[in-house]
């Protein structure tokens, strides 16, 4: 799924070990092509480039631990965003919530790079704020189907392991 994860002998590289450790400990592996300091998606077997990878460990548990409005203008935070974040504190985040947020963020990153030409210091605040707004809108539209923690807020993910 990610570039530079295997050595020539087929064994995991240090990068591959780090991604696997994080996936098995924290429950997600997310990559975005061209984003500095982010894991880079591997191309498909036929050479087609992949822009974004969002992988979720089905054993993961994500809990919203606090509100986080990073990148959003604090003067104009929409009520639906505040409501979604406040109501989700200490609640489990559904896998679809994570996917909605990360997908919206990836699309916003692409829009940012198209507008400004590169990933720079403004890219993450821009993308994260757009993803927060999109996540809140989708949750409001699907209020009977998506509940729990808000994926764009401050979140703690872990993967419980059987201690037997």
N, C-alpha and C. Protein backbone atom coordinates (compact mmCIF):
# COMPACT_ATOMS: atom_id res chain seq x y z
N UNK A 1 0.80 -1.20 0.00
CA UNK A 1 0.00 0.00 0.00
C UNK A 1 0.85 1.27 0.00
N UNK A 2 2.06 1.17 0.57
CA UNK A 2 2.91 2.35 0.70
C UNK A 2 4.27 2.10 0.05
N UNK A 3 4.88 3.17 -0.43
CA UNK A 3 6.21 3.08 -1.05
C UNK A 3 7.26 2.77 0.01
N UNK A 4 8.31 2.12 -0.46
CA UNK A 4 9.50 1.87 0.37
C UNK A 4 9.20 1.08 1.64
N UNK A 5 8.29 0.12 1.54
CA UNK A 5 7.97 -0.68 2.73
C UNK A 5 8.64 -2.05 2.72
N UNK A 6 9.17 -2.46 1.55
CA UNK A 6 9.82 -3.75 1.46
C UNK A 6 11.24 -3.61 0.90
N UNK A 7 12.12 -4.44 1.41
CA UNK A 7 13.49 -4.52 0.88
C UNK A 7 13.47 -5.40 -0.37
N UNK A 8 14.59 -5.44 -1.06
CA UNK A 8 14.71 -6.30 -2.25
C UNK A 8 14.50 -7.78 -1.93
N UNK A 9 14.81 -8.19 -0.69
CA UNK A 9 14.66 -9.59 -0.31
C UNK A 9 13.22 -9.93 0.11
N UNK A 10 12.30 -8.97 0.02
CA UNK A 10 10.90 -9.21 0.34
C UNK A 10 10.53 -8.97 1.79
N UNK A 11 11.51 -8.66 2.63
CA UNK A 11 11.23 -8.41 4.04
C UNK A 11 10.90 -6.94 4.24
N UNK A 12 10.19 -6.66 5.34
CA UNK A 12 9.83 -5.27 5.63
C UNK A 12 11.06 -4.41 5.83
N UNK A 13 11.04 -3.23 5.26
CA UNK A 13 12.07 -2.23 5.50
C UNK A 13 11.78 -1.57 6.85
N UNK A 14 12.66 -0.70 7.30
CA UNK A 14 12.38 0.04 8.54
C UNK A 14 11.11 0.86 8.41
N UNK A 15 10.89 1.46 7.23
CA UNK A 15 9.66 2.21 6.98
C UNK A 15 8.44 1.29 7.06
N UNK A 16 8.54 0.12 6.47
CA UNK A 16 7.45 -0.85 6.52
C UNK A 16 7.17 -1.31 7.94
N UNK A 17 8.22 -1.51 8.72
CA UNK A 17 8.05 -1.91 10.12
C UNK A 17 7.36 -0.80 10.92
N UNK A 18 7.74 0.45 10.65
CA UNK A 18 7.13 1.58 11.36
C UNK A 18 5.65 1.69 11.03
N UNK A 19 5.30 1.57 9.75
CA UNK A 19 3.89 1.65 9.35
C UNK A 19 3.10 0.50 9.96
N UNK A 20 3.65 -0.71 9.91
CA UNK A 20 2.97 -1.87 10.49
C UNK A 20 2.79 -1.71 12.00
N UNK A 21 3.83 -1.23 12.69
CA UNK A 21 3.73 -1.01 14.13
C UNK A 21 2.62 0.00 14.44
N UNK A 22 2.61 1.11 13.74
CA UNK A 22 1.59 2.13 13.98
C UNK A 22 0.18 1.60 13.67
N UNK A 23 0.05 0.83 12.60
CA UNK A 23 -1.25 0.26 12.24
C UNK A 23 -1.73 -0.70 13.32
N UNK A 24 -0.82 -1.51 13.84
CA UNK A 24 -1.19 -2.49 14.86
C UNK A 24 -1.29 -1.91 16.26
N UNK A 25 -0.76 -0.72 16.47
CA UNK A 25 -0.81 -0.08 17.78
C UNK A 25 -1.88 1.00 17.84
N UNK A 26 -1.95 1.82 16.81
CA UNK A 26 -2.86 2.96 16.81
C UNK A 26 -4.05 2.79 15.88
N UNK A 27 -3.99 1.83 14.97
CA UNK A 27 -5.17 1.46 14.21
C UNK A 27 -5.40 2.07 12.86
N UNK A 28 -4.50 2.95 12.41
CA UNK A 28 -4.70 3.53 11.09
C UNK A 28 -3.37 3.63 10.35
N UNK A 29 -3.46 3.68 9.05
CA UNK A 29 -2.31 3.97 8.19
C UNK A 29 -2.85 4.85 7.07
N UNK A 30 -2.36 6.08 7.03
CA UNK A 30 -2.89 7.05 6.09
C UNK A 30 -1.73 7.66 5.31
N UNK A 31 -1.87 7.72 4.00
CA UNK A 31 -0.83 8.30 3.17
C UNK A 31 -1.41 9.21 2.11
N UNK A 32 -0.61 10.20 1.71
CA UNK A 32 -1.05 11.15 0.71
C UNK A 32 0.12 11.50 -0.19
N UNK A 33 -0.03 11.27 -1.47
CA UNK A 33 1.05 11.49 -2.43
C UNK A 33 1.52 12.94 -2.40
N UNK A 34 2.81 13.11 -2.25
CA UNK A 34 3.42 14.43 -2.31
C UNK A 34 3.42 15.21 -1.01
N UNK A 35 2.66 14.78 -0.02
CA UNK A 35 2.62 15.53 1.24
C UNK A 35 3.92 15.28 2.01
N UNK A 36 4.63 16.34 2.35
CA UNK A 36 5.88 16.16 3.10
C UNK A 36 5.64 15.48 4.44
N UNK A 37 6.57 14.63 4.82
CA UNK A 37 6.57 13.91 6.10
C UNK A 37 5.41 12.92 6.24
N UNK A 38 4.70 12.65 5.17
CA UNK A 38 3.60 11.68 5.19
C UNK A 38 4.04 10.42 4.45
N UNK A 39 3.46 9.29 4.83
CA UNK A 39 3.71 8.06 4.09
C UNK A 39 3.17 8.23 2.68
N UNK A 40 3.92 7.74 1.72
CA UNK A 40 3.57 7.91 0.31
C UNK A 40 2.91 6.64 -0.21
N UNK A 41 1.71 6.75 -0.81
CA UNK A 41 1.05 5.58 -1.37
C UNK A 41 1.90 4.95 -2.49
N UNK A 42 1.87 3.64 -2.54
CA UNK A 42 2.54 2.92 -3.63
C UNK A 42 1.63 2.95 -4.86
N UNK A 43 2.24 2.90 -6.03
CA UNK A 43 1.47 2.81 -7.27
C UNK A 43 0.80 1.44 -7.36
N UNK A 44 -0.25 1.34 -8.15
CA UNK A 44 -0.88 0.04 -8.40
C UNK A 44 0.09 -0.83 -9.19
N UNK A 45 -0.18 -2.11 -9.24
CA UNK A 45 0.71 -3.06 -9.93
C UNK A 45 0.91 -2.69 -11.39
N UNK A 46 -0.09 -2.07 -12.01
CA UNK A 46 0.03 -1.69 -13.42
C UNK A 46 0.72 -0.34 -13.61
N UNK A 47 1.17 0.27 -12.49
CA UNK A 47 1.88 1.55 -12.57
C UNK A 47 1.01 2.78 -12.37
N UNK A 48 -0.29 2.60 -12.25
CA UNK A 48 -1.18 3.74 -12.03
C UNK A 48 -0.89 4.36 -10.66
N UNK A 49 -0.65 5.66 -10.62
CA UNK A 49 -0.37 6.29 -9.33
C UNK A 49 -1.60 6.33 -8.42
N UNK A 50 -1.35 6.24 -7.13
CA UNK A 50 -2.40 6.32 -6.12
C UNK A 50 -2.20 7.63 -5.37
N UNK A 51 -3.27 8.39 -5.20
CA UNK A 51 -3.17 9.69 -4.53
C UNK A 51 -3.25 9.56 -3.01
N UNK A 52 -4.16 8.72 -2.52
CA UNK A 52 -4.38 8.64 -1.08
C UNK A 52 -4.68 7.20 -0.66
N UNK A 53 -4.17 6.84 0.52
CA UNK A 53 -4.48 5.54 1.13
C UNK A 53 -5.02 5.82 2.52
N UNK A 54 -6.17 5.22 2.82
CA UNK A 54 -6.76 5.30 4.15
C UNK A 54 -7.04 3.86 4.59
N UNK A 55 -6.23 3.37 5.51
CA UNK A 55 -6.39 2.00 5.99
C UNK A 55 -6.78 2.04 7.46
N UNK A 56 -7.75 1.22 7.82
CA UNK A 56 -8.30 1.19 9.18
C UNK A 56 -8.21 -0.22 9.72
N UNK A 57 -7.59 -0.39 10.86
CA UNK A 57 -7.51 -1.68 11.52
C UNK A 57 -8.88 -1.94 12.16
N UNK A 58 -9.55 -3.00 11.77
CA UNK A 58 -10.91 -3.25 12.26
C UNK A 58 -10.95 -3.54 13.75
N UNK A 59 -9.81 -3.77 14.37
CA UNK A 59 -9.77 -3.94 15.82
C UNK A 59 -9.53 -2.62 16.55
N UNK A 60 -9.31 -1.56 15.81
CA UNK A 60 -8.99 -0.27 16.42
C UNK A 60 -10.20 0.33 17.12
N UNK A 61 -9.89 1.08 18.16
CA UNK A 61 -10.90 1.86 18.85
C UNK A 61 -10.41 3.29 18.89
N UNK A 62 -11.19 4.17 18.30
CA UNK A 62 -10.87 5.60 18.33
C UNK A 62 -11.86 6.30 19.22
N UNK A 63 -11.35 7.11 20.13
CA UNK A 63 -12.20 7.86 21.06
C UNK A 63 -11.91 9.35 20.87
N UNK A 64 -12.96 10.14 20.72
CA UNK A 64 -12.79 11.59 20.70
C UNK A 64 -12.51 12.04 22.13
N UNK A 65 -11.38 12.68 22.34
CA UNK A 65 -11.00 13.08 23.70
C UNK A 65 -11.22 14.56 23.97
N UNK A 66 -11.35 15.37 22.93
CA UNK A 66 -11.58 16.80 23.14
C UNK A 66 -11.94 17.45 21.81
N UNK A 67 -12.45 18.66 21.89
CA UNK A 67 -12.74 19.44 20.69
C UNK A 67 -11.43 19.88 20.04
N UNK A 68 -11.43 20.04 18.74
CA UNK A 68 -10.27 20.55 18.02
C UNK A 68 -10.76 21.21 16.74
N UNK A 69 -10.61 22.51 16.66
CA UNK A 69 -11.09 23.26 15.50
C UNK A 69 -9.93 23.80 14.69
N UNK A 70 -8.83 23.10 14.64
CA UNK A 70 -7.62 23.57 13.98
C UNK A 70 -7.90 23.97 12.53
N UNK A 71 -7.51 25.18 12.19
CA UNK A 71 -7.67 25.68 10.83
C UNK A 71 -8.98 26.39 10.58
N UNK A 72 -9.97 26.20 11.45
CA UNK A 72 -11.27 26.85 11.27
C UNK A 72 -11.21 28.23 11.91
N UNK A 73 -11.79 29.21 11.26
CA UNK A 73 -11.85 30.57 11.81
C UNK A 73 -12.69 30.53 13.08
N UNK A 74 -12.05 30.80 14.22
CA UNK A 74 -12.74 30.71 15.51
C UNK A 74 -13.90 31.69 15.64
N UNK A 75 -13.89 32.74 14.85
CA UNK A 75 -14.97 33.72 14.88
C UNK A 75 -16.24 33.19 14.20
N UNK A 76 -16.06 32.23 13.31
CA UNK A 76 -17.20 31.79 12.49
C UNK A 76 -17.38 30.27 12.48
N UNK A 77 -17.04 29.60 13.57
CA UNK A 77 -17.24 28.14 13.60
C UNK A 77 -18.74 27.85 13.54
N UNK A 78 -19.16 27.10 12.55
CA UNK A 78 -20.59 26.80 12.44
C UNK A 78 -21.11 26.02 13.64
N UNK A 79 -22.36 26.28 14.00
CA UNK A 79 -22.98 25.60 15.14
C UNK A 79 -22.98 24.09 14.98
N UNK A 80 -23.18 23.61 13.72
CA UNK A 80 -23.22 22.15 13.53
C UNK A 80 -21.87 21.50 13.82
N UNK A 81 -20.78 22.23 13.61
CA UNK A 81 -19.45 21.70 13.92
C UNK A 81 -19.27 21.63 15.43
N UNK A 82 -19.59 22.71 16.11
CA UNK A 82 -19.47 22.74 17.58
C UNK A 82 -20.33 21.63 18.19
N UNK A 83 -21.57 21.53 17.74
CA UNK A 83 -22.49 20.52 18.27
C UNK A 83 -21.95 19.11 18.05
N UNK A 84 -21.46 18.83 16.85
CA UNK A 84 -20.94 17.49 16.55
C UNK A 84 -19.72 17.16 17.40
N UNK A 85 -18.83 18.13 17.56
CA UNK A 85 -17.62 17.87 18.35
C UNK A 85 -17.95 17.74 19.83
N UNK A 86 -18.77 18.63 20.37
CA UNK A 86 -19.10 18.58 21.80
C UNK A 86 -19.85 17.29 22.13
N UNK A 87 -20.80 16.92 21.30
CA UNK A 87 -21.60 15.72 21.58
C UNK A 87 -20.79 14.43 21.42
N UNK A 88 -19.66 14.50 20.73
CA UNK A 88 -18.87 13.28 20.51
C UNK A 88 -17.78 13.02 21.54
N UNK A 89 -17.56 13.95 22.44
CA UNK A 89 -16.47 13.78 23.42
C UNK A 89 -16.68 12.50 24.23
N UNK A 90 -15.62 11.73 24.35
CA UNK A 90 -15.56 10.45 25.06
C UNK A 90 -16.38 9.36 24.39
N UNK A 91 -16.72 9.55 23.13
CA UNK A 91 -17.45 8.53 22.40
C UNK A 91 -16.56 7.91 21.33
N UNK A 92 -16.89 6.67 20.99
CA UNK A 92 -16.15 5.93 19.97
C UNK A 92 -16.43 6.52 18.59
N UNK A 93 -15.38 6.57 17.78
CA UNK A 93 -15.49 7.06 16.41
C UNK A 93 -15.73 5.87 15.48
N UNK A 94 -16.73 5.99 14.65
CA UNK A 94 -17.02 4.90 13.71
C UNK A 94 -16.00 4.90 12.58
N UNK A 95 -15.72 3.73 12.00
CA UNK A 95 -14.81 3.69 10.85
C UNK A 95 -15.26 4.61 9.72
N UNK A 96 -16.56 4.71 9.49
CA UNK A 96 -17.03 5.58 8.41
C UNK A 96 -16.75 7.04 8.74
N UNK A 97 -16.78 7.41 10.02
CA UNK A 97 -16.45 8.78 10.41
C UNK A 97 -15.01 9.11 10.06
N UNK A 98 -14.10 8.18 10.37
CA UNK A 98 -12.69 8.39 10.01
C UNK A 98 -12.55 8.50 8.50
N UNK A 99 -13.20 7.62 7.76
CA UNK A 99 -13.10 7.64 6.31
C UNK A 99 -13.64 8.94 5.72
N UNK A 100 -14.77 9.41 6.24
CA UNK A 100 -15.33 10.68 5.76
C UNK A 100 -14.34 11.81 5.97
N UNK A 101 -13.80 11.90 7.18
CA UNK A 101 -12.88 12.99 7.49
C UNK A 101 -11.61 12.91 6.64
N UNK A 102 -10.98 11.76 6.61
CA UNK A 102 -9.71 11.62 5.88
C UNK A 102 -9.90 11.78 4.37
N UNK A 103 -11.02 11.31 3.83
CA UNK A 103 -11.30 11.49 2.40
C UNK A 103 -11.49 12.96 2.07
N UNK A 104 -12.26 13.64 2.91
CA UNK A 104 -12.48 15.07 2.69
C UNK A 104 -11.17 15.84 2.81
N UNK A 105 -10.33 15.44 3.75
CA UNK A 105 -9.04 16.11 3.92
C UNK A 105 -8.15 15.90 2.70
N UNK A 106 -8.12 14.67 2.18
CA UNK A 106 -7.31 14.39 0.99
C UNK A 106 -7.77 15.23 -0.20
N UNK A 107 -9.07 15.35 -0.39
CA UNK A 107 -9.59 16.17 -1.49
C UNK A 107 -9.26 17.65 -1.29
N UNK A 108 -9.32 18.11 -0.05
CA UNK A 108 -8.98 19.50 0.23
C UNK A 108 -7.49 19.76 0.02
N UNK A 109 -6.64 18.79 0.36
CA UNK A 109 -5.21 18.93 0.08
C UNK A 109 -4.99 19.10 -1.42
N UNK A 110 -5.67 18.28 -2.21
CA UNK A 110 -5.53 18.37 -3.66
C UNK A 110 -5.97 19.75 -4.16
N UNK A 111 -7.09 20.25 -3.65
CA UNK A 111 -7.56 21.58 -4.05
C UNK A 111 -6.54 22.64 -3.66
N UNK A 112 -5.96 22.52 -2.48
CA UNK A 112 -4.97 23.50 -2.02
C UNK A 112 -3.76 23.52 -2.94
N UNK A 113 -3.24 22.33 -3.25
CA UNK A 113 -2.06 22.26 -4.13
C UNK A 113 -2.40 22.79 -5.51
N UNK A 114 -3.59 22.53 -6.00
CA UNK A 114 -4.00 23.08 -7.30
C UNK A 114 -4.06 24.60 -7.28
N UNK A 115 -4.48 25.17 -6.14
CA UNK A 115 -4.59 26.64 -6.04
C UNK A 115 -3.23 27.31 -5.80
N UNK A 116 -2.40 26.69 -4.94
CA UNK A 116 -1.17 27.36 -4.50
C UNK A 116 0.11 26.73 -5.02
N UNK A 117 0.00 25.58 -5.68
CA UNK A 117 1.15 24.99 -6.35
C UNK A 117 1.98 24.01 -5.55
N UNK A 118 1.80 23.96 -4.23
CA UNK A 118 2.59 23.00 -3.44
C UNK A 118 2.00 22.86 -2.04
N UNK A 119 2.52 21.87 -1.34
CA UNK A 119 2.21 21.73 0.08
C UNK A 119 3.10 22.71 0.81
N UNK A 120 2.50 23.62 1.56
CA UNK A 120 3.30 24.53 2.37
C UNK A 120 2.66 24.60 3.75
N UNK A 121 3.07 25.56 4.56
CA UNK A 121 2.58 25.64 5.94
C UNK A 121 1.07 25.83 6.03
N UNK A 122 0.46 26.37 5.00
CA UNK A 122 -0.98 26.59 5.02
C UNK A 122 -1.81 25.39 4.58
N UNK A 123 -1.16 24.37 4.05
CA UNK A 123 -1.89 23.24 3.48
C UNK A 123 -2.70 22.48 4.53
N UNK A 124 -2.07 22.13 5.65
CA UNK A 124 -2.80 21.33 6.65
C UNK A 124 -3.95 22.10 7.29
N UNK A 125 -3.73 23.33 7.75
CA UNK A 125 -4.89 24.05 8.31
C UNK A 125 -6.04 24.17 7.31
N UNK A 126 -5.72 24.42 6.06
CA UNK A 126 -6.74 24.52 5.02
C UNK A 126 -7.49 23.19 4.88
N UNK A 127 -6.74 22.11 4.69
CA UNK A 127 -7.36 20.80 4.45
C UNK A 127 -8.14 20.31 5.66
N UNK A 128 -7.56 20.47 6.85
CA UNK A 128 -8.23 19.98 8.06
C UNK A 128 -9.52 20.76 8.31
N UNK A 129 -9.47 22.06 8.14
CA UNK A 129 -10.69 22.85 8.38
C UNK A 129 -11.78 22.48 7.39
N UNK A 130 -11.43 22.26 6.12
CA UNK A 130 -12.43 21.85 5.13
C UNK A 130 -13.00 20.49 5.47
N UNK A 131 -12.14 19.59 5.96
CA UNK A 131 -12.61 18.25 6.33
C UNK A 131 -13.54 18.30 7.54
N UNK A 132 -13.23 19.15 8.50
CA UNK A 132 -14.12 19.30 9.66
C UNK A 132 -15.50 19.77 9.21
N UNK A 133 -15.53 20.77 8.35
CA UNK A 133 -16.81 21.30 7.87
C UNK A 133 -17.59 20.24 7.09
N UNK A 134 -16.89 19.51 6.21
CA UNK A 134 -17.55 18.47 5.40
C UNK A 134 -18.05 17.33 6.30
N UNK A 135 -17.24 16.92 7.26
CA UNK A 135 -17.66 15.84 8.17
C UNK A 135 -18.93 16.25 8.93
N UNK A 136 -18.98 17.49 9.42
CA UNK A 136 -20.15 17.95 10.16
C UNK A 136 -21.39 17.96 9.26
N UNK A 137 -21.24 18.40 8.00
CA UNK A 137 -22.38 18.42 7.08
C UNK A 137 -22.90 17.02 6.80
N UNK A 138 -21.99 16.10 6.54
CA UNK A 138 -22.40 14.72 6.24
C UNK A 138 -23.05 14.08 7.46
N UNK A 139 -22.47 14.30 8.63
CA UNK A 139 -23.06 13.75 9.86
C UNK A 139 -24.46 14.31 10.08
N UNK A 140 -24.65 15.59 9.82
CA UNK A 140 -25.97 16.20 9.99
C UNK A 140 -26.98 15.58 9.02
N UNK A 141 -26.55 15.35 7.78
CA UNK A 141 -27.45 14.74 6.80
C UNK A 141 -27.79 13.29 7.15
N UNK A 142 -26.85 12.61 7.79
CA UNK A 142 -27.04 11.19 8.12
C UNK A 142 -27.16 10.98 9.62
N UNK A 143 -27.74 11.92 10.32
CA UNK A 143 -27.74 11.92 11.77
C UNK A 143 -28.25 10.64 12.41
N UNK A 144 -29.09 9.92 11.75
CA UNK A 144 -29.59 8.67 12.32
C UNK A 144 -28.62 7.52 12.09
N UNK A 145 -27.64 7.73 11.22
CA UNK A 145 -26.76 6.64 10.84
C UNK A 145 -25.32 6.81 11.29
N UNK A 146 -24.91 8.02 11.62
CA UNK A 146 -23.55 8.26 12.10
C UNK A 146 -23.65 8.99 13.43
N UNK A 147 -23.21 8.33 14.46
CA UNK A 147 -23.20 8.93 15.79
C UNK A 147 -21.83 8.68 16.40
N UNK A 148 -21.64 9.14 17.60
CA UNK A 148 -20.38 8.88 18.29
C UNK A 148 -19.40 10.02 18.11
N UNK A 149 -18.13 9.69 18.28
CA UNK A 149 -17.08 10.68 18.24
C UNK A 149 -16.90 11.32 16.87
N UNK A 150 -16.32 12.50 16.88
CA UNK A 150 -16.08 13.30 15.67
C UNK A 150 -14.63 13.08 15.25
N UNK A 151 -14.41 12.53 14.07
CA UNK A 151 -13.07 12.14 13.63
C UNK A 151 -12.13 13.32 13.43
N UNK A 152 -12.67 14.52 13.19
CA UNK A 152 -11.83 15.69 13.00
C UNK A 152 -11.43 16.38 14.28
N UNK A 153 -11.91 15.88 15.41
CA UNK A 153 -11.58 16.47 16.71
C UNK A 153 -10.27 15.87 17.22
N UNK A 154 -9.95 16.12 18.46
CA UNK A 154 -8.77 15.50 19.07
C UNK A 154 -9.14 14.06 19.41
N UNK A 155 -8.40 13.13 18.84
CA UNK A 155 -8.77 11.72 18.89
C UNK A 155 -7.61 10.88 19.40
N UNK A 156 -7.94 9.83 20.12
CA UNK A 156 -6.93 8.85 20.55
C UNK A 156 -7.36 7.50 20.00
N UNK A 157 -6.47 6.90 19.20
CA UNK A 157 -6.72 5.57 18.64
C UNK A 157 -5.82 4.55 19.33
N UNK A 158 -6.35 3.36 19.52
CA UNK A 158 -5.54 2.26 20.04
C UNK A 158 -6.11 0.96 19.49
N UNK A 159 -5.30 -0.07 19.55
CA UNK A 159 -5.73 -1.40 19.13
C UNK A 159 -5.51 -2.33 20.31
N UNK A 160 -6.62 -2.74 20.95
CA UNK A 160 -6.47 -3.66 22.08
C UNK A 160 -5.90 -4.99 21.60
N UNK A 161 -5.04 -5.56 22.42
CA UNK A 161 -4.45 -6.86 22.11
C UNK A 161 -4.77 -7.83 23.23
N UNK A 162 -5.09 -9.05 22.85
CA UNK A 162 -5.39 -10.10 23.81
C UNK A 162 -4.14 -10.38 24.63
N UNK A 163 -4.22 -10.30 25.93
CA UNK A 163 -3.06 -10.47 26.80
C UNK A 163 -2.87 -11.92 27.25
N UNK A 164 -3.65 -12.85 26.69
CA UNK A 164 -3.51 -14.25 27.12
C UNK A 164 -2.18 -14.82 26.79
